[in-house]
């Protein structure tokens, strides 16, 4: 078999399974219990300096 066929067979089977497992793991990580505080903090980043703009870095 040539290299293309071997890589194609690997991508069609094992890599697809690995990507699916990664997706499920990322979804579980994002929706795990106790992560609401972290997600709320990240969601409010644009509004942290609402009363005054950030200063220049000069």
PDB file of N, CA and C in Angstrom:
ATOM      1  N   UNK A   1       0.834  -1.183   0.000  1.00  0.00           N
ATOM      2  CA  UNK A   1       0.000   0.000   0.000  1.00  0.00           C
ATOM      3  C   UNK A   1       0.877   1.244   0.000  1.00  0.00           C
ATOM      4  N   UNK A   2       0.395   2.253  -0.647  1.00  0.00           N
ATOM      5  CA  UNK A   2       1.143   3.500  -0.655  1.00  0.00           C
ATOM      6  C   UNK A   2       0.813   4.323   0.599  1.00  0.00           C
ATOM      7  N   UNK A   3       1.597   5.349   0.825  1.00  0.00           N
ATOM      8  CA  UNK A   3       1.457   6.167   2.030  1.00  0.00           C
ATOM      9  C   UNK A   3       0.099   6.850   2.095  1.00  0.00           C
ATOM     10  N   UNK A   4      -0.398   7.328   0.970  1.00  0.00           N
ATOM     11  CA  UNK A   4      -1.694   8.002   0.946  1.00  0.00           C
ATOM     12  C   UNK A   4      -2.813   7.082   1.435  1.00  0.00           C
ATOM     13  N   UNK A   5      -2.829   5.869   0.977  1.00  0.00           N
ATOM     14  CA  UNK A   5      -3.876   4.927   1.378  1.00  0.00           C
ATOM     15  C   UNK A   5      -3.809   4.602   2.863  1.00  0.00           C
ATOM     16  N   UNK A   6      -2.599   4.473   3.372  1.00  0.00           N
ATOM     17  CA  UNK A   6      -2.433   4.195   4.799  1.00  0.00           C
ATOM     18  C   UNK A   6      -2.923   5.367   5.631  1.00  0.00           C
ATOM     19  N   UNK A   7      -2.522   6.569   5.248  1.00  0.00           N
ATOM     20  CA  UNK A   7      -2.952   7.756   5.992  1.00  0.00           C
ATOM     21  C   UNK A   7      -4.455   7.976   5.863  1.00  0.00           C
ATOM     22  N   UNK A   8      -5.022   7.699   4.709  1.00  0.00           N
ATOM     23  CA  UNK A   8      -6.461   7.852   4.501  1.00  0.00           C
ATOM     24  C   UNK A   8      -7.241   6.873   5.377  1.00  0.00           C
ATOM     25  N   UNK A   9      -6.767   5.650   5.470  1.00  0.00           N
ATOM     26  CA  UNK A   9      -7.427   4.662   6.318  1.00  0.00           C
ATOM     27  C   UNK A   9      -7.329   5.064   7.793  1.00  0.00           C
ATOM     28  N   UNK A  10      -6.174   5.586   8.199  1.00  0.00           N
ATOM     29  CA  UNK A  10      -6.004   6.048   9.575  1.00  0.00           C
ATOM     30  C   UNK A  10      -6.930   7.227   9.875  1.00  0.00           C
ATOM     31  N   UNK A  11      -7.011   8.176   8.963  1.00  0.00           N
ATOM     32  CA  UNK A  11      -7.851   9.358   9.164  1.00  0.00           C
ATOM     33  C   UNK A  11      -9.326   8.984   9.180  1.00  0.00           C
ATOM     34  N   UNK A  12      -9.719   8.035   8.373  1.00  0.00           N
ATOM     35  CA  UNK A  12     -11.122   7.632   8.313  1.00  0.00           C
ATOM     36  C   UNK A  12     -11.563   6.851   9.542  1.00  0.00           C
ATOM     37  N   UNK A  13     -10.636   6.257  10.258  1.00  0.00           N
ATOM     38  CA  UNK A  13     -11.054   5.422  11.376  1.00  0.00           C
ATOM     39  C   UNK A  13     -10.578   5.985  12.712  1.00  0.00           C
ATOM     40  N   UNK A  14      -9.323   5.818  13.024  1.00  0.00           N
ATOM     41  CA  UNK A  14      -8.827   6.138  14.349  1.00  0.00           C
ATOM     42  C   UNK A  14      -8.802   7.629  14.626  1.00  0.00           C
ATOM     43  N   UNK A  15      -8.461   8.427  13.654  1.00  0.00           N
ATOM     44  CA  UNK A  15      -8.408   9.869  13.903  1.00  0.00           C
ATOM     45  C   UNK A  15      -9.808  10.428  14.104  1.00  0.00           C
ATOM     46  N   UNK A  16     -10.784   9.891  13.404  1.00  0.00           N
ATOM     47  CA  UNK A  16     -12.168  10.314  13.595  1.00  0.00           C
ATOM     48  C   UNK A  16     -12.633   9.988  15.015  1.00  0.00           C
ATOM     49  N   UNK A  17     -12.289   8.827  15.497  1.00  0.00           N
ATOM     50  CA  UNK A  17     -12.641   8.442  16.866  1.00  0.00           C
ATOM     51  C   UNK A  17     -11.927   9.345  17.870  1.00  0.00           C
ATOM     52  N   UNK A  18     -10.662   9.636  17.633  1.00  0.00           N
ATOM     53  CA  UNK A  18      -9.901  10.503  18.533  1.00  0.00           C
ATOM     54  C   UNK A  18     -10.492  11.910  18.567  1.00  0.00           C
ATOM     55  N   UNK A  19     -10.881  12.451  17.426  1.00  0.00           N
ATOM     56  CA  UNK A  19     -11.478  13.782  17.391  1.00  0.00           C
ATOM     57  C   UNK A  19     -12.833  13.799  18.094  1.00  0.00           C
ATOM     58  N   UNK A  20     -13.609  12.744  17.964  1.00  0.00           N
ATOM     59  CA  UNK A  20     -14.892  12.650  18.647  1.00  0.00           C
ATOM     60  C   UNK A  20     -14.687  12.607  20.160  1.00  0.00           C
ATOM     61  N   UNK A  21     -13.724  11.839  20.623  1.00  0.00           N
ATOM     62  CA  UNK A  21     -13.422  11.767  22.056  1.00  0.00           C
ATOM     63  C   UNK A  21     -12.947  13.127  22.561  1.00  0.00           C
ATOM     64  N   UNK A  22     -12.128  13.817  21.779  1.00  0.00           N
ATOM     65  CA  UNK A  22     -11.672  15.155  22.159  1.00  0.00           C
ATOM     66  C   UNK A  22     -12.853  16.118  22.265  1.00  0.00           C
ATOM     67  N   UNK A  23     -13.785  16.071  21.322  1.00  0.00           N
ATOM     68  CA  UNK A  23     -14.953  16.935  21.340  1.00  0.00           C
ATOM     69  C   UNK A  23     -15.806  16.676  22.576  1.00  0.00           C
ATOM     70  N   UNK A  24     -16.048  15.418  22.887  1.00  0.00           N
ATOM     71  CA  UNK A  24     -16.837  15.074  24.075  1.00  0.00           C
ATOM     72  C   UNK A  24     -16.122  15.549  25.337  1.00  0.00           C
ATOM     73  N   UNK A  25     -14.812  15.378  25.388  1.00  0.00           N
ATOM     74  CA  UNK A  25     -14.039  15.852  26.545  1.00  0.00           C
ATOM     75  C   UNK A  25     -14.091  17.358  26.695  1.00  0.00           C
ATOM     76  N   UNK A  26     -13.995  18.089  25.588  1.00  0.00           N
ATOM     77  CA  UNK A  26     -14.077  19.548  25.646  1.00  0.00           C
ATOM     78  C   UNK A  26     -15.462  20.005  26.091  1.00  0.00           C
ATOM     79  N   UNK A  27     -16.502  19.329  25.626  1.00  0.00           N
ATOM     80  CA  UNK A  27     -17.862  19.678  26.036  1.00  0.00           C
ATOM     81  C   UNK A  27     -18.064  19.407  27.523  1.00  0.00           C
ATOM     82  N   UNK A  28     -17.580  18.286  28.010  1.00  0.00           N
ATOM     83  CA  UNK A  28     -17.690  17.975  29.438  1.00  0.00           C
ATOM     84  C   UNK A  28     -16.909  18.992  30.259  1.00  0.00           C
ATOM     85  N   UNK A  29     -15.727  19.376  29.789  1.00  0.00           N
ATOM     86  CA  UNK A  29     -14.921  20.369  30.495  1.00  0.00           C
ATOM     87  C   UNK A  29     -15.635  21.714  30.552  1.00  0.00           C
ATOM     88  N   UNK A  30     -16.263  22.120  29.458  1.00  0.00           N
ATOM     89  CA  UNK A  30     -16.934  23.413  29.419  1.00  0.00           C
ATOM     90  C   UNK A  30     -18.182  23.443  30.282  1.00  0.00           C
ATOM     91  N   UNK A  31     -18.894  22.342  30.361  1.00  0.00           N
ATOM     92  CA  UNK A  31     -20.151  22.305  31.100  1.00  0.00           C
ATOM     93  C   UNK A  31     -20.048  21.590  32.441  1.00  0.00           C
ATOM     94  N   UNK A  32     -18.843  21.458  32.958  1.00  0.00           N
ATOM     95  CA  UNK A  32     -18.670  20.767  34.230  1.00  0.00           C
ATOM     96  C   UNK A  32     -19.256  21.602  35.372  1.00  0.00           C
ATOM     97  N   UNK A  33     -19.675  20.944  36.439  1.00  0.00           N
ATOM     98  CA  UNK A  33     -20.202  21.686  37.591  1.00  0.00           C
ATOM     99  C   UNK A  33     -19.097  22.553  38.209  1.00  0.00           C
ATOM    100  N   UNK A  34     -19.453  23.740  38.615  1.00  0.00           N
ATOM    101  CA  UNK A  34     -18.482  24.625  39.256  1.00  0.00           C
ATOM    102  C   UNK A  34     -17.760  25.552  38.307  1.00  0.00           C
ATOM    103  N   UNK A  35     -18.005  25.471  37.023  1.00  0.00           N
ATOM    104  CA  UNK A  35     -17.301  26.339  36.087  1.00  0.00           C
ATOM    105  C   UNK A  35     -18.074  27.613  35.767  1.00  0.00           C
ATOM    106  N   UNK A  36     -19.267  27.785  36.350  1.00  0.00           N
ATOM    107  CA  UNK A  36     -20.087  28.957  36.065  1.00  0.00           C
ATOM    108  C   UNK A  36     -19.374  30.245  36.475  1.00  0.00           C
ATOM    109  N   UNK A  37     -18.693  30.241  37.605  1.00  0.00           N
ATOM    110  CA  UNK A  37     -17.991  31.440  38.068  1.00  0.00           C
ATOM    111  C   UNK A  37     -16.898  31.857  37.075  1.00  0.00           C
ATOM    112  N   UNK A  38     -16.155  30.901  36.587  1.00  0.00           N
ATOM    113  CA  UNK A  38     -15.085  31.195  35.624  1.00  0.00           C
ATOM    114  C   UNK A  38     -15.662  31.743  34.328  1.00  0.00           C
ATOM    115  N   UNK A  39     -16.725  31.120  33.832  1.00  0.00           N
ATOM    116  CA  UNK A  39     -17.331  31.572  32.581  1.00  0.00           C
ATOM    117  C   UNK A  39     -17.961  32.957  32.730  1.00  0.00           C
ATOM    118  N   UNK A  40     -18.582  33.239  33.875  1.00  0.00           N
ATOM    119  CA  UNK A  40     -19.153  34.569  34.104  1.00  0.00           C
ATOM    120  C   UNK A  40     -18.066  35.626  34.158  1.00  0.00           C
ATOM    121  N   UNK A  41     -16.931  35.310  34.784  1.00  0.00           N
ATOM    122  CA  UNK A  41     -15.817  36.259  34.846  1.00  0.00           C
ATOM    123  C   UNK A  41     -15.266  36.548  33.454  1.00  0.00           C
ATOM    124  N   UNK A  42     -15.105  35.532  32.656  1.00  0.00           N
ATOM    125  CA  UNK A  42     -14.593  35.719  31.298  1.00  0.00           C
ATOM    126  C   UNK A  42     -15.583  36.498  30.448  1.00  0.00           C
ATOM    127  N   UNK A  43     -16.871  36.242  30.628  1.00  0.00           N
ATOM    128  CA  UNK A  43     -17.894  36.934  29.841  1.00  0.00           C
ATOM    129  C   UNK A  43     -17.941  38.424  30.163  1.00  0.00           C
ATOM    130  N   UNK A  44     -17.524  38.825  31.363  1.00  0.00           N
ATOM    131  CA  UNK A  44     -17.598  40.224  31.772  1.00  0.00           C
ATOM    132  C   UNK A  44     -16.311  41.001  31.545  1.00  0.00           C
ATOM    133  N   UNK A  45     -15.336  40.439  30.877  1.00  0.00           N
ATOM    134  CA  UNK A  45     -14.078  41.134  30.613  1.00  0.00           C
ATOM    135  C   UNK A  45     -14.286  42.471  29.894  1.00  0.00           C
ATOM    136  N   UNK A  46     -15.134  42.573  28.868  1.00  0.00           N
ATOM    137  CA  UNK A  46     -15.289  43.867  28.195  1.00  0.00           C
ATOM    138  C   UNK A  46     -15.893  44.959  29.086  1.00  0.00           C
ATOM    139  N   UNK A  47     -16.540  44.591  30.156  1.00  0.00           N
ATOM    140  CA  UNK A  47     -17.220  45.564  31.006  1.00  0.00           C
ATOM    141  C   UNK A  47     -16.477  45.873  32.303  1.00  0.00           C
ATOM    142  N   UNK A  48     -15.260  45.411  32.452  1.00  0.00           N
ATOM    143  CA  UNK A  48     -14.531  45.611  33.706  1.00  0.00           C
ATOM    144  C   UNK A  48     -14.223  47.073  33.984  1.00  0.00           C
ATOM    145  N   UNK A  49     -13.850  47.838  32.965  1.00  0.00           N
ATOM    146  CA  UNK A  49     -13.502  49.245  33.143  1.00  0.00           C
ATOM    147  C   UNK A  49     -14.590  50.116  32.551  1.00  0.00           C
ATOM    148  N   UNK A  50     -15.826  49.817  32.906  1.00  0.00           N
ATOM    149  CA  UNK A  50     -16.952  50.541  32.333  1.00  0.00           C
ATOM    150  C   UNK A  50     -16.992  51.991  32.799  1.00  0.00           C
ATOM    151  N   UNK A  51     -16.548  52.276  34.034  1.00  0.00           N
ATOM    152  CA  UNK A  51     -16.617  53.629  34.558  1.00  0.00           C
ATOM    153  C   UNK A  51     -15.493  54.526  34.050  1.00  0.00           C
ATOM    154  N   UNK A  52     -14.379  53.949  33.652  1.00  0.00           N
ATOM    155  CA  UNK A  52     -13.276  54.746  33.106  1.00  0.00           C
ATOM    156  C   UNK A  52     -12.553  53.919  32.039  1.00  0.00           C
ATOM    157  N   UNK A  53     -12.119  54.551  30.989  1.00  0.00           N
ATOM    158  CA  UNK A  53     -11.380  53.798  29.954  1.00  0.00           C
ATOM    159  C   UNK A  53      -9.995  53.429  30.434  1.00  0.00           C
ATOM    160  N   UNK A  54      -9.464  52.422  29.814  1.00  0.00           N
ATOM    161  CA  UNK A  54      -8.091  52.018  30.135  1.00  0.00           C
ATOM    162  C   UNK A  54      -7.125  53.077  29.664  1.00  0.00           C
ATOM    163  N   UNK A  55      -6.041  53.278  30.402  1.00  0.00           N
ATOM    164  CA  UNK A  55      -5.060  54.292  30.061  1.00  0.00           C
ATOM    165  C   UNK A  55      -4.167  53.867  28.911  1.00  0.00           C
ATOM    166  N   UNK A  56      -3.445  54.827  28.355  1.00  0.00           N
ATOM    167  CA  UNK A  56      -2.468  54.528  27.305  1.00  0.00           C
ATOM    168  C   UNK A  56      -1.264  53.831  27.911  1.00  0.00           C
ATOM    169  N   UNK A  57      -0.560  53.111  27.106  1.00  0.00           N
ATOM    170  CA  UNK A  57       0.611  52.379  27.590  1.00  0.00           C
ATOM    171  C   UNK A  57       1.905  53.149  27.363  1.00  0.00           C
ATOM    172  N   UNK A  58       1.835  54.400  27.089  1.00  0.00           N
ATOM    173  CA  UNK A  58       3.065  55.193  26.826  1.00  0.00           C
ATOM    174  C   UNK A  58       3.843  55.449  28.052  1.00  0.00           C
TER     175      UNK A  58
END
